[in-house]
Amino acid sequence: MPADRPFIIGLTGSIGMGKSTVAQMFVDEGVPMFDADAAVHELQGPGGDLVAEIEALFPGTTSSDGVDRQKLGAAVLGDPVALQKLERLIHPAVGKMRMAFLERYRDQPLILFDIPLLFEKGGAEGVDHIVVVSADAAQQRDRVMARPGMTEERFEQIKLLQMPDADKRQKADSVIDTSLPLAETRNQVQKLVQKLKASLA
């Protein structure tokens, strides 16, 4: 790890595994977080840098409120070519925001990159320690199906785009289990932060 930047934790996990909850636990421990999804929301929100370009590629998917995520989702889901076009637009823009974040927190010992598709999109090389958030399959399904507008078909489509949980766990440096009570999950995060800070000292 280069001495002139913080130690980067890459946080990932499939849909419904509790990644956002765990990410907040790292923040609670004082670890600054770059949230790739939040960056995308900013780029696609009202006045966002990518709104005009997305409208040009996918007419009718934006308004004065920014990108309509449901309309855009419908335009690209199940269409690999359309999805690739969208990703070619989004990934470099998010990368630029991530570099600015890294610069802002360069004096911190640890920082967290919350990247949902860390393995799928080849981001694993850019981090120092991979943390996978995981839960059992039944809990995952219950959490996802409780989301507004979610259908079995949509859940299956999303799962096809994501590396299987078992494979992610195998590739992880650490696994945070969210099948447990919240306090126990938080305890796992606290111990990991302490361990990583100690290893850097």
N, C-alpha and C. Protein backbone atom coordinates (compact mmCIF):
# COMPACT_ATOMS: atom_id res chain seq x y z
N MET A 1 0.84 -1.20 0.00
CA MET A 1 0.00 0.00 0.00
C MET A 1 0.87 1.26 0.00
N PRO A 2 0.62 2.20 -0.95
CA PRO A 2 1.41 3.43 -0.97
C PRO A 2 1.27 4.20 0.34
N ALA A 3 2.38 4.78 0.79
CA ALA A 3 2.36 5.49 2.07
C ALA A 3 1.66 6.84 1.96
N ASP A 4 1.46 7.31 0.73
CA ASP A 4 0.90 8.66 0.58
C ASP A 4 -0.62 8.68 0.44
N ARG A 5 -1.25 7.58 0.75
CA ARG A 5 -2.73 7.58 0.74
C ARG A 5 -3.25 6.68 1.85
N PRO A 6 -4.52 6.85 2.19
CA PRO A 6 -5.10 5.98 3.23
C PRO A 6 -5.19 4.52 2.77
N PHE A 7 -5.37 3.64 3.74
CA PHE A 7 -5.64 2.22 3.49
C PHE A 7 -7.10 2.14 3.05
N ILE A 8 -7.36 1.55 1.88
CA ILE A 8 -8.72 1.56 1.32
C ILE A 8 -9.43 0.23 1.57
N ILE A 9 -10.57 0.32 2.27
CA ILE A 9 -11.44 -0.84 2.46
C ILE A 9 -12.49 -0.80 1.36
N GLY A 10 -12.63 -1.89 0.63
CA GLY A 10 -13.69 -1.99 -0.38
C GLY A 10 -14.85 -2.79 0.20
N LEU A 11 -16.01 -2.15 0.31
CA LEU A 11 -17.18 -2.81 0.89
C LEU A 11 -18.15 -3.20 -0.21
N THR A 12 -18.56 -4.45 -0.22
CA THR A 12 -19.50 -4.89 -1.24
C THR A 12 -20.43 -5.96 -0.67
N GLY A 13 -21.42 -6.33 -1.45
CA GLY A 13 -22.39 -7.33 -1.02
C GLY A 13 -23.58 -7.31 -1.95
N SER A 14 -24.21 -8.44 -2.13
CA SER A 14 -25.34 -8.53 -3.05
C SER A 14 -26.55 -7.80 -2.48
N ILE A 15 -27.55 -7.63 -3.33
CA ILE A 15 -28.79 -6.93 -2.93
C ILE A 15 -29.41 -7.60 -1.70
N GLY A 16 -29.87 -6.79 -0.76
CA GLY A 16 -30.58 -7.31 0.42
C GLY A 16 -29.69 -7.90 1.50
N MET A 17 -28.37 -7.71 1.39
CA MET A 17 -27.46 -8.31 2.38
C MET A 17 -27.20 -7.39 3.58
N GLY A 18 -27.64 -6.14 3.48
CA GLY A 18 -27.44 -5.22 4.61
C GLY A 18 -26.20 -4.36 4.48
N LYS A 19 -25.76 -4.15 3.23
CA LYS A 19 -24.52 -3.40 2.99
C LYS A 19 -24.61 -1.96 3.48
N SER A 20 -25.74 -1.30 3.22
CA SER A 20 -25.89 0.11 3.64
C SER A 20 -25.81 0.25 5.15
N THR A 21 -26.42 -0.71 5.86
CA THR A 21 -26.38 -0.70 7.33
C THR A 21 -24.95 -0.84 7.82
N VAL A 22 -24.21 -1.77 7.22
CA VAL A 22 -22.82 -2.00 7.62
C VAL A 22 -21.95 -0.80 7.27
N ALA A 23 -22.21 -0.20 6.10
CA ALA A 23 -21.44 0.99 5.69
C ALA A 23 -21.58 2.09 6.75
N GLN A 24 -22.80 2.29 7.23
CA GLN A 24 -23.04 3.31 8.25
C GLN A 24 -22.30 2.98 9.54
N MET A 25 -22.17 1.71 9.85
CA MET A 25 -21.43 1.29 11.05
C MET A 25 -19.95 1.67 10.94
N PHE A 26 -19.39 1.55 9.72
CA PHE A 26 -18.00 1.98 9.52
C PHE A 26 -17.89 3.49 9.72
N VAL A 27 -18.86 4.23 9.19
CA VAL A 27 -18.87 5.69 9.36
C VAL A 27 -18.96 6.04 10.85
N ASP A 28 -19.79 5.30 11.57
CA ASP A 28 -19.93 5.52 13.02
C ASP A 28 -18.60 5.30 13.76
N GLU A 29 -17.74 4.47 13.17
CA GLU A 29 -16.41 4.21 13.76
C GLU A 29 -15.37 5.24 13.29
N GLY A 30 -15.84 6.24 12.56
CA GLY A 30 -14.94 7.32 12.14
C GLY A 30 -14.22 7.07 10.83
N VAL A 31 -14.70 6.10 10.04
CA VAL A 31 -14.07 5.83 8.74
C VAL A 31 -14.83 6.60 7.65
N PRO A 32 -14.16 7.55 6.97
CA PRO A 32 -14.85 8.29 5.90
C PRO A 32 -15.26 7.34 4.78
N MET A 33 -16.46 7.57 4.22
CA MET A 33 -17.00 6.65 3.21
C MET A 33 -17.27 7.36 1.89
N PHE A 34 -16.83 6.72 0.80
CA PHE A 34 -17.25 7.12 -0.54
C PHE A 34 -18.31 6.13 -0.98
N ASP A 35 -19.51 6.63 -1.23
CA ASP A 35 -20.65 5.79 -1.59
C ASP A 35 -20.88 5.92 -3.10
N ALA A 36 -20.55 4.86 -3.84
CA ALA A 36 -20.67 4.89 -5.30
C ALA A 36 -22.11 5.14 -5.74
N ASP A 37 -23.08 4.51 -5.04
CA ASP A 37 -24.49 4.73 -5.40
C ASP A 37 -24.91 6.17 -5.19
N ALA A 38 -24.46 6.78 -4.07
CA ALA A 38 -24.80 8.18 -3.79
C ALA A 38 -24.19 9.09 -4.85
N ALA A 39 -22.97 8.73 -5.31
CA ALA A 39 -22.33 9.52 -6.37
C ALA A 39 -23.17 9.46 -7.65
N VAL A 40 -23.67 8.27 -7.97
CA VAL A 40 -24.51 8.11 -9.16
C VAL A 40 -25.80 8.93 -9.01
N HIS A 41 -26.40 8.89 -7.82
CA HIS A 41 -27.61 9.69 -7.57
C HIS A 41 -27.34 11.17 -7.81
N GLU A 42 -26.17 11.63 -7.33
CA GLU A 42 -25.81 13.04 -7.50
C GLU A 42 -25.64 13.39 -8.98
N LEU A 43 -24.98 12.52 -9.71
CA LEU A 43 -24.76 12.75 -11.15
C LEU A 43 -26.06 12.72 -11.94
N GLN A 44 -27.05 11.96 -11.43
CA GLN A 44 -28.31 11.78 -12.16
C GLN A 44 -29.45 12.61 -11.56
N GLY A 45 -29.18 13.30 -10.46
CA GLY A 45 -30.23 14.06 -9.78
C GLY A 45 -30.51 15.38 -10.48
N PRO A 46 -31.38 16.22 -9.90
CA PRO A 46 -31.70 17.52 -10.50
C PRO A 46 -30.42 18.33 -10.72
N GLY A 47 -30.19 18.75 -11.97
CA GLY A 47 -28.98 19.53 -12.28
C GLY A 47 -27.71 18.70 -12.32
N GLY A 48 -27.84 17.37 -12.26
CA GLY A 48 -26.68 16.48 -12.24
C GLY A 48 -25.89 16.54 -13.54
N ASP A 49 -24.59 16.30 -13.44
CA ASP A 49 -23.69 16.44 -14.59
C ASP A 49 -24.02 15.50 -15.76
N LEU A 50 -24.68 14.39 -15.50
CA LEU A 50 -24.91 13.41 -16.58
C LEU A 50 -26.34 13.42 -17.13
N VAL A 51 -27.20 14.27 -16.58
CA VAL A 51 -28.63 14.21 -16.96
C VAL A 51 -28.83 14.43 -18.47
N ALA A 52 -28.19 15.47 -19.00
CA ALA A 52 -28.38 15.78 -20.43
C ALA A 52 -27.87 14.64 -21.32
N GLU A 53 -26.72 14.08 -20.94
CA GLU A 53 -26.15 12.99 -21.76
C GLU A 53 -27.01 11.73 -21.69
N ILE A 54 -27.59 11.47 -20.52
CA ILE A 54 -28.47 10.29 -20.39
C ILE A 54 -29.74 10.49 -21.21
N GLU A 55 -30.28 11.72 -21.19
CA GLU A 55 -31.47 12.02 -21.99
C GLU A 55 -31.18 11.82 -23.48
N ALA A 56 -29.98 12.23 -23.91
CA ALA A 56 -29.60 12.09 -25.32
C ALA A 56 -29.52 10.60 -25.72
N LEU A 57 -29.00 9.78 -24.80
CA LEU A 57 -28.87 8.34 -25.09
C LEU A 57 -30.21 7.61 -24.96
N PHE A 58 -30.98 8.01 -23.94
CA PHE A 58 -32.25 7.32 -23.64
C PHE A 58 -33.37 8.35 -23.51
N PRO A 59 -33.88 8.83 -24.65
CA PRO A 59 -34.89 9.91 -24.62
C PRO A 59 -36.11 9.55 -23.77
N GLY A 60 -36.57 10.53 -23.00
CA GLY A 60 -37.77 10.33 -22.18
C GLY A 60 -37.51 9.77 -20.79
N THR A 61 -36.22 9.60 -20.44
CA THR A 61 -35.93 9.00 -19.12
C THR A 61 -35.58 10.07 -18.07
N THR A 62 -35.58 11.36 -18.48
CA THR A 62 -35.25 12.41 -17.51
C THR A 62 -36.30 13.52 -17.52
N SER A 63 -36.25 14.34 -16.47
CA SER A 63 -37.13 15.51 -16.38
C SER A 63 -36.38 16.57 -15.57
N SER A 64 -37.07 17.62 -15.15
CA SER A 64 -36.42 18.65 -14.34
C SER A 64 -35.98 18.09 -12.98
N ASP A 65 -36.52 16.93 -12.60
CA ASP A 65 -36.12 16.26 -11.36
C ASP A 65 -34.89 15.37 -11.55
N GLY A 66 -34.30 15.41 -12.75
CA GLY A 66 -33.17 14.55 -13.04
C GLY A 66 -33.63 13.27 -13.73
N VAL A 67 -32.85 12.21 -13.54
CA VAL A 67 -33.16 10.94 -14.19
C VAL A 67 -34.27 10.23 -13.44
N ASP A 68 -35.24 9.71 -14.19
CA ASP A 68 -36.28 8.85 -13.59
C ASP A 68 -35.69 7.44 -13.58
N ARG A 69 -35.27 7.01 -12.37
CA ARG A 69 -34.53 5.74 -12.28
C ARG A 69 -35.35 4.54 -12.75
N GLN A 70 -36.67 4.60 -12.56
CA GLN A 70 -37.50 3.47 -13.01
C GLN A 70 -37.54 3.39 -14.53
N LYS A 71 -37.70 4.58 -15.17
CA LYS A 71 -37.73 4.60 -16.64
C LYS A 71 -36.38 4.20 -17.22
N LEU A 72 -35.31 4.70 -16.60
CA LEU A 72 -33.97 4.35 -17.09
C LEU A 72 -33.71 2.85 -16.87
N GLY A 73 -34.13 2.35 -15.71
CA GLY A 73 -33.99 0.92 -15.42
C GLY A 73 -34.70 0.08 -16.45
N ALA A 74 -35.91 0.50 -16.82
CA ALA A 74 -36.69 -0.24 -17.82
C ALA A 74 -36.00 -0.19 -19.18
N ALA A 75 -35.31 0.92 -19.46
CA ALA A 75 -34.64 1.09 -20.76
C ALA A 75 -33.40 0.21 -20.88
N VAL A 76 -32.74 -0.09 -19.75
CA VAL A 76 -31.48 -0.85 -19.85
C VAL A 76 -31.55 -2.28 -19.33
N LEU A 77 -32.52 -2.58 -18.45
CA LEU A 77 -32.56 -3.91 -17.84
C LEU A 77 -32.82 -4.97 -18.92
N GLY A 78 -31.95 -5.96 -18.97
CA GLY A 78 -32.12 -7.03 -19.95
C GLY A 78 -31.59 -6.66 -21.33
N ASP A 79 -30.96 -5.46 -21.46
CA ASP A 79 -30.39 -5.04 -22.74
C ASP A 79 -28.90 -4.73 -22.52
N PRO A 80 -28.03 -5.74 -22.73
CA PRO A 80 -26.60 -5.57 -22.42
C PRO A 80 -25.95 -4.39 -23.13
N VAL A 81 -26.36 -4.14 -24.39
CA VAL A 81 -25.75 -3.05 -25.16
C VAL A 81 -26.12 -1.69 -24.55
N ALA A 82 -27.39 -1.53 -24.20
CA ALA A 82 -27.84 -0.27 -23.58
C ALA A 82 -27.17 -0.07 -22.23
N LEU A 83 -27.06 -1.16 -21.48
CA LEU A 83 -26.42 -1.09 -20.16
C LEU A 83 -24.96 -0.67 -20.29
N GLN A 84 -24.30 -1.21 -21.30
CA GLN A 84 -22.88 -0.88 -21.53
C GLN A 84 -22.72 0.61 -21.87
N LYS A 85 -23.62 1.13 -22.69
CA LYS A 85 -23.59 2.56 -23.05
C LYS A 85 -23.72 3.43 -21.80
N LEU A 86 -24.65 3.04 -20.94
CA LEU A 86 -24.88 3.80 -19.71
C LEU A 86 -23.66 3.73 -18.79
N GLU A 87 -23.09 2.54 -18.67
CA GLU A 87 -21.93 2.36 -17.79
C GLU A 87 -20.72 3.14 -18.29
N ARG A 88 -20.57 3.21 -19.62
CA ARG A 88 -19.45 3.97 -20.21
C ARG A 88 -19.53 5.45 -19.83
N LEU A 89 -20.74 5.89 -19.60
CA LEU A 89 -20.97 7.29 -19.20
C LEU A 89 -20.73 7.46 -17.70
N ILE A 90 -21.26 6.52 -16.92
CA ILE A 90 -21.27 6.69 -15.46
C ILE A 90 -19.92 6.38 -14.80
N HIS A 91 -19.28 5.28 -15.20
CA HIS A 91 -18.07 4.84 -14.47
C HIS A 91 -16.94 5.87 -14.43
N PRO A 92 -16.62 6.51 -15.57
CA PRO A 92 -15.55 7.52 -15.49
C PRO A 92 -15.92 8.70 -14.59
N ALA A 93 -17.21 9.10 -14.63
CA ALA A 93 -17.66 10.23 -13.81
C ALA A 93 -17.58 9.90 -12.32
N VAL A 94 -17.96 8.68 -11.97
CA VAL A 94 -17.87 8.23 -10.57
C VAL A 94 -16.40 8.12 -10.16
N GLY A 95 -15.56 7.63 -11.08
CA GLY A 95 -14.13 7.50 -10.81
C GLY A 95 -13.50 8.85 -10.47
N LYS A 96 -13.92 9.87 -11.18
CA LYS A 96 -13.41 11.23 -10.93
C LYS A 96 -13.81 11.71 -9.53
N MET A 97 -15.05 11.44 -9.15
CA MET A 97 -15.53 11.82 -7.81
C MET A 97 -14.78 11.05 -6.72
N ARG A 98 -14.47 9.78 -7.02
CA ARG A 98 -13.76 8.95 -6.05
C ARG A 98 -12.34 9.49 -5.83
N MET A 99 -11.68 9.93 -6.91
CA MET A 99 -10.34 10.49 -6.78
C MET A 99 -10.36 11.77 -5.94
N ALA A 100 -11.39 12.59 -6.14
CA ALA A 100 -11.51 13.83 -5.36
C ALA A 100 -11.72 13.51 -3.88
N PHE A 101 -12.49 12.47 -3.60
CA PHE A 101 -12.74 12.03 -2.22
C PHE A 101 -11.43 11.56 -1.58
N LEU A 102 -10.67 10.78 -2.35
CA LEU A 102 -9.38 10.25 -1.87
C LEU A 102 -8.44 11.40 -1.50
N GLU A 103 -8.46 12.43 -2.34
CA GLU A 103 -7.61 13.60 -2.10
C GLU A 103 -8.04 14.32 -0.81
N ARG A 104 -9.36 14.43 -0.62
CA ARG A 104 -9.90 15.16 0.54
C ARG A 104 -9.54 14.45 1.85
N TYR A 105 -9.49 13.13 1.83
CA TYR A 105 -9.26 12.37 3.08
C TYR A 105 -7.89 11.70 3.08
N ARG A 106 -6.92 12.27 2.38
CA ARG A 106 -5.62 11.60 2.22
C ARG A 106 -4.87 11.45 3.55
N ASP A 107 -5.23 12.21 4.58
CA ASP A 107 -4.54 12.11 5.87
C ASP A 107 -5.17 11.08 6.81
N GLN A 108 -6.26 10.46 6.38
CA GLN A 108 -6.93 9.47 7.24
C GLN A 108 -6.21 8.13 7.17
N PRO A 109 -6.20 7.34 8.27
CA PRO A 109 -5.58 6.01 8.18
C PRO A 109 -6.40 5.05 7.32
N LEU A 110 -7.73 5.09 7.47
CA LEU A 110 -8.63 4.18 6.73
C LEU A 110 -9.70 4.99 6.01
N ILE A 111 -10.06 4.56 4.82
CA ILE A 111 -11.27 5.07 4.18
C ILE A 111 -12.03 3.89 3.59
N LEU A 112 -13.31 4.10 3.36
CA LEU A 112 -14.19 3.03 2.88
C LEU A 112 -14.75 3.40 1.52
N PHE A 113 -14.62 2.50 0.55
CA PHE A 113 -15.30 2.64 -0.73
C PHE A 113 -16.47 1.66 -0.71
N ASP A 114 -17.69 2.19 -0.73
CA ASP A 114 -18.90 1.36 -0.79
C ASP A 114 -19.22 1.15 -2.27
N ILE A 115 -18.90 -0.04 -2.79
CA ILE A 115 -19.05 -0.31 -4.23
C ILE A 115 -19.88 -1.58 -4.43
N PRO A 116 -21.18 -1.42 -4.76
CA PRO A 116 -22.05 -2.60 -4.87
C PRO A 116 -21.51 -3.68 -5.81
N LEU A 117 -21.00 -3.28 -6.99
CA LEU A 117 -20.54 -4.28 -7.96
C LEU A 117 -19.01 -4.31 -8.02
N LEU A 118 -18.39 -4.40 -6.86
CA LEU A 118 -16.93 -4.36 -6.75
C LEU A 118 -16.26 -5.45 -7.59
N PHE A 119 -16.75 -6.68 -7.48
CA PHE A 119 -16.16 -7.79 -8.24
C PHE A 119 -16.62 -7.77 -9.69
N GLU A 120 -17.93 -7.51 -9.87
CA GLU A 120 -18.52 -7.61 -11.20
C GLU A 120 -17.91 -6.60 -12.18
N LYS A 121 -17.54 -5.43 -11.67
CA LYS A 121 -17.04 -4.36 -12.54
C LYS A 121 -15.53 -4.15 -12.39
N GLY A 122 -14.85 -5.10 -11.76
CA GLY A 122 -13.39 -5.06 -11.73
C GLY A 122 -12.79 -3.98 -10.85
N GLY A 123 -13.46 -3.61 -9.77
CA GLY A 123 -12.92 -2.58 -8.88
C GLY A 123 -12.05 -3.13 -7.76
N ALA A 124 -11.96 -4.46 -7.68
CA ALA A 124 -11.28 -5.09 -6.54
C ALA A 124 -9.78 -4.76 -6.50
N GLU A 125 -9.19 -4.50 -7.67
CA GLU A 125 -7.75 -4.21 -7.72
C GLU A 125 -7.42 -2.87 -7.07
N GLY A 126 -8.40 -1.98 -7.01
CA GLY A 126 -8.15 -0.63 -6.51
C GLY A 126 -8.30 -0.46 -5.00
N VAL A 127 -8.54 -1.56 -4.29
CA VAL A 127 -8.70 -1.47 -2.83
C VAL A 127 -7.69 -2.38 -2.13
N ASP A 128 -7.47 -2.12 -0.84
CA ASP A 128 -6.45 -2.87 -0.09
C ASP A 128 -7.03 -4.05 0.70
N HIS A 129 -8.32 -3.97 1.04
CA HIS A 129 -8.94 -5.01 1.89
C HIS A 129 -10.42 -5.09 1.49
N ILE A 130 -10.85 -6.27 1.08
CA ILE A 130 -12.24 -6.42 0.62
C ILE A 130 -13.11 -6.99 1.73
N VAL A 131 -14.19 -6.26 2.03
CA VAL A 131 -15.16 -6.71 3.03
C VAL A 131 -16.47 -7.04 2.30
N VAL A 132 -16.92 -8.27 2.46
CA VAL A 132 -18.19 -8.69 1.86
C VAL A 132 -19.25 -8.78 2.96
N VAL A 133 -20.38 -8.14 2.71
CA VAL A 133 -21.52 -8.20 3.64
C VAL A 133 -22.43 -9.33 3.15
N SER A 134 -22.77 -10.22 4.08
CA SER A 134 -23.49 -11.42 3.67
C SER A 134 -24.55 -11.79 4.71
N ALA A 135 -25.58 -12.48 4.23
CA ALA A 135 -26.63 -13.01 5.12
C ALA A 135 -27.13 -14.30 4.48
N ASP A 136 -27.95 -15.06 5.21
CA ASP A 136 -28.43 -16.29 4.57
C ASP A 136 -29.48 -15.95 3.50
N ALA A 137 -29.65 -16.88 2.57
CA ALA A 137 -30.47 -16.64 1.37
C ALA A 137 -31.92 -16.30 1.73
N ALA A 138 -32.46 -16.93 2.77
CA ALA A 138 -33.86 -16.68 3.15
C ALA A 138 -34.03 -15.24 3.64
N GLN A 139 -33.06 -14.78 4.44
CA GLN A 139 -33.13 -13.40 4.93
C GLN A 139 -32.98 -12.41 3.79
N GLN A 140 -32.06 -12.73 2.88
CA GLN A 140 -31.86 -11.86 1.72
C GLN A 140 -33.18 -11.70 0.95
N ARG A 141 -33.82 -12.83 0.65
CA ARG A 141 -35.08 -12.79 -0.12
C ARG A 141 -36.15 -11.97 0.62
N ASP A 142 -36.30 -12.20 1.93
CA ASP A 142 -37.31 -11.47 2.71
C ASP A 142 -37.07 -9.96 2.65
N ARG A 143 -35.80 -9.56 2.80
CA ARG A 143 -35.47 -8.13 2.79
C ARG A 143 -35.77 -7.51 1.42
N VAL A 144 -35.37 -8.22 0.36
CA VAL A 144 -35.54 -7.67 -0.99
C VAL A 144 -37.01 -7.60 -1.36
N MET A 145 -37.76 -8.67 -1.06
CA MET A 145 -39.17 -8.69 -1.45
C MET A 145 -40.00 -7.68 -0.67
N ALA A 146 -39.45 -7.19 0.45
CA ALA A 146 -40.18 -6.17 1.24
C ALA A 146 -40.01 -4.77 0.62
N ARG A 147 -39.14 -4.64 -0.36
CA ARG A 147 -38.91 -3.33 -0.98
C ARG A 147 -40.08 -2.96 -1.88
N PRO A 148 -40.44 -1.66 -1.92
CA PRO A 148 -41.56 -1.24 -2.76
C PRO A 148 -41.29 -1.52 -4.24
N GLY A 149 -42.28 -2.06 -4.90
CA GLY A 149 -42.18 -2.29 -6.35
C GLY A 149 -41.35 -3.50 -6.75
N MET A 150 -40.87 -4.25 -5.78
CA MET A 150 -40.03 -5.41 -6.12
C MET A 150 -40.91 -6.60 -6.51
N THR A 151 -40.46 -7.32 -7.54
CA THR A 151 -41.16 -8.54 -7.95
C THR A 151 -40.14 -9.68 -7.97
N GLU A 152 -40.64 -10.90 -7.95
CA GLU A 152 -39.75 -12.08 -8.03
C GLU A 152 -38.88 -12.00 -9.29
N GLU A 153 -39.52 -11.61 -10.40
CA GLU A 153 -38.82 -11.55 -11.69
C GLU A 153 -37.68 -10.53 -11.63
N ARG A 154 -37.96 -9.37 -11.06
CA ARG A 154 -36.94 -8.30 -10.96
C ARG A 154 -35.79 -8.77 -10.06
N PHE A 155 -36.16 -9.41 -8.96
CA PHE A 155 -35.14 -9.91 -8.02
C PHE A 155 -34.21 -10.90 -8.73
N GLU A 156 -34.82 -11.81 -9.52
CA GLU A 156 -34.02 -12.81 -10.24
C GLU A 156 -33.12 -12.14 -11.27
N GLN A 157 -33.63 -11.10 -11.94
CA GLN A 157 -32.83 -10.38 -12.95
C GLN A 157 -31.62 -9.71 -12.28
N ILE A 158 -31.86 -9.09 -11.13
CA ILE A 158 -30.78 -8.40 -10.40
C ILE A 158 -29.73 -9.43 -9.96
N LYS A 159 -30.22 -10.57 -9.47
CA LYS A 159 -29.28 -11.61 -9.01
C LYS A 159 -28.38 -12.11 -10.15
N LEU A 160 -28.94 -12.16 -11.36
CA LEU A 160 -28.15 -12.62 -12.52
C LEU A 160 -27.00 -11.67 -12.82
N LEU A 161 -27.16 -10.38 -12.49
CA LEU A 161 -26.11 -9.39 -12.75
C LEU A 161 -25.05 -9.40 -11.65
N GLN A 162 -25.34 -10.08 -10.54
CA GLN A 162 -24.43 -10.06 -9.39
C GLN A 162 -23.74 -11.42 -9.22
N MET A 163 -22.48 -11.36 -8.84
CA MET A 163 -21.74 -12.59 -8.56
C MET A 163 -22.41 -13.31 -7.39
N PRO A 164 -22.53 -14.64 -7.42
CA PRO A 164 -23.17 -15.35 -6.30
C PRO A 164 -22.47 -15.05 -4.96
N ASP A 165 -23.27 -14.99 -3.92
CA ASP A 165 -22.77 -14.64 -2.58
C ASP A 165 -21.62 -15.56 -2.14
N ALA A 166 -21.76 -16.85 -2.42
CA ALA A 166 -20.72 -17.82 -2.00
C ALA A 166 -19.37 -17.47 -2.64
N ASP A 167 -19.41 -17.05 -3.91
CA ASP A 167 -18.17 -16.67 -4.62
C ASP A 167 -17.57 -15.40 -4.00
N LYS A 168 -18.45 -14.46 -3.65
CA LYS A 168 -17.97 -13.21 -3.03
C LYS A 168 -17.30 -13.50 -1.69
N ARG A 169 -17.93 -14.36 -0.92
CA ARG A 169 -17.36 -14.70 0.40
C ARG A 169 -15.96 -15.29 0.25
N GLN A 170 -15.80 -16.13 -0.77
CA GLN A 170 -14.50 -16.78 -1.02
C GLN A 170 -13.42 -15.76 -1.36
N LYS A 171 -13.80 -14.72 -2.10
CA LYS A 171 -12.84 -13.71 -2.55
C LYS A 171 -12.57 -12.64 -1.50
N ALA A 172 -13.38 -12.63 -0.44
CA ALA A 172 -13.29 -11.56 0.57
C ALA A 172 -12.06 -11.71 1.46
N ASP A 173 -11.55 -10.58 1.94
CA ASP A 173 -10.54 -10.59 3.01
C ASP A 173 -11.24 -10.72 4.36
N SER A 174 -12.43 -10.13 4.46
CA SER A 174 -13.26 -10.25 5.67
C SER A 174 -14.72 -10.36 5.25
N VAL A 175 -15.51 -11.10 6.05
CA VAL A 175 -16.95 -11.21 5.81
C VAL A 175 -17.68 -10.67 7.04
N ILE A 176 -18.62 -9.78 6.82
CA ILE A 176 -19.48 -9.28 7.91
C ILE A 176 -20.84 -9.95 7.76
N ASP A 177 -21.24 -10.71 8.75
CA ASP A 177 -22.49 -11.48 8.71
C ASP A 177 -23.63 -10.65 9.29
N THR A 178 -24.63 -10.35 8.45
CA THR A 178 -25.77 -9.57 8.93
C THR A 178 -26.99 -10.44 9.24
N SER A 179 -26.79 -11.76 9.29
CA SER A 179 -27.89 -12.64 9.72
C SER A 179 -28.07 -12.53 11.24
N LEU A 180 -27.05 -11.99 11.90
CA LEU A 180 -27.03 -11.90 13.37
C LEU A 180 -27.77 -10.66 13.86
N PRO A 181 -28.04 -10.57 15.16
CA PRO A 181 -28.61 -9.33 15.70
C PRO A 181 -27.70 -8.14 15.39
N LEU A 182 -28.30 -6.96 15.27
CA LEU A 182 -27.59 -5.74 14.88
C LEU A 182 -26.36 -5.47 15.75
N ALA A 183 -26.49 -5.67 17.05
CA ALA A 183 -25.38 -5.39 17.97
C ALA A 183 -24.17 -6.29 17.66
N GLU A 184 -24.46 -7.52 17.26
CA GLU A 184 -23.36 -8.44 16.94
C GLU A 184 -22.69 -8.07 15.62
N THR A 185 -23.50 -7.59 14.67
CA THR A 185 -22.93 -7.11 13.40
C THR A 185 -22.03 -5.91 13.67
N ARG A 186 -22.52 -4.98 14.49
CA ARG A 186 -21.73 -3.79 14.82
C ARG A 186 -20.40 -4.19 15.50
N ASN A 187 -20.47 -5.19 16.35
CA ASN A 187 -19.28 -5.69 17.05
C ASN A 187 -18.23 -6.20 16.04
N GLN A 188 -18.71 -6.89 14.99
CA GLN A 188 -17.81 -7.38 13.94
C GLN A 188 -17.09 -6.21 13.25
N VAL A 189 -17.86 -5.15 12.98
CA VAL A 189 -17.30 -3.97 12.31
C VAL A 189 -16.26 -3.29 13.21
N GLN A 190 -16.62 -3.11 14.47
CA GLN A 190 -15.69 -2.45 15.42
C GLN A 190 -14.38 -3.21 15.52
N LYS A 191 -14.48 -4.53 15.63
CA LYS A 191 -13.27 -5.36 15.75
C LYS A 191 -12.40 -5.27 14.49
N LEU A 192 -13.05 -5.25 13.34
CA LEU A 192 -12.30 -5.17 12.09
C LEU A 192 -11.58 -3.82 11.97
N VAL A 193 -12.27 -2.74 12.31
CA VAL A 193 -11.65 -1.40 12.23
C VAL A 193 -10.44 -1.35 13.17
N GLN A 194 -10.61 -1.87 14.37
CA GLN A 194 -9.49 -1.88 15.34
C GLN A 194 -8.32 -2.70 14.81
N LYS A 195 -8.64 -3.88 14.23
CA LYS A 195 -7.60 -4.77 13.71
C LYS A 195 -6.82 -4.10 12.56
N LEU A 196 -7.55 -3.45 11.64
CA LEU A 196 -6.90 -2.82 10.50
C LEU A 196 -6.04 -1.64 10.95
N LYS A 197 -6.57 -0.84 11.88
CA LYS A 197 -5.79 0.30 12.38
C LYS A 197 -4.52 -0.19 13.08
N ALA A 198 -4.65 -1.27 13.83
CA ALA A 198 -3.49 -1.84 14.54
C ALA A 198 -2.45 -2.34 13.54
N SER A 199 -2.92 -2.93 12.44
CA SER A 199 -1.97 -3.46 11.44
C SER A 199 -1.22 -2.35 10.71
N LEU A 200 -1.79 -1.13 10.71
CA LEU A 200 -1.14 0.00 10.05
C LEU A 200 -0.17 0.72 10.97
N ALA A 201 -0.37 0.52 12.28
CA ALA A 201 0.43 1.29 13.26
C ALA A 201 1.91 0.90 13.21
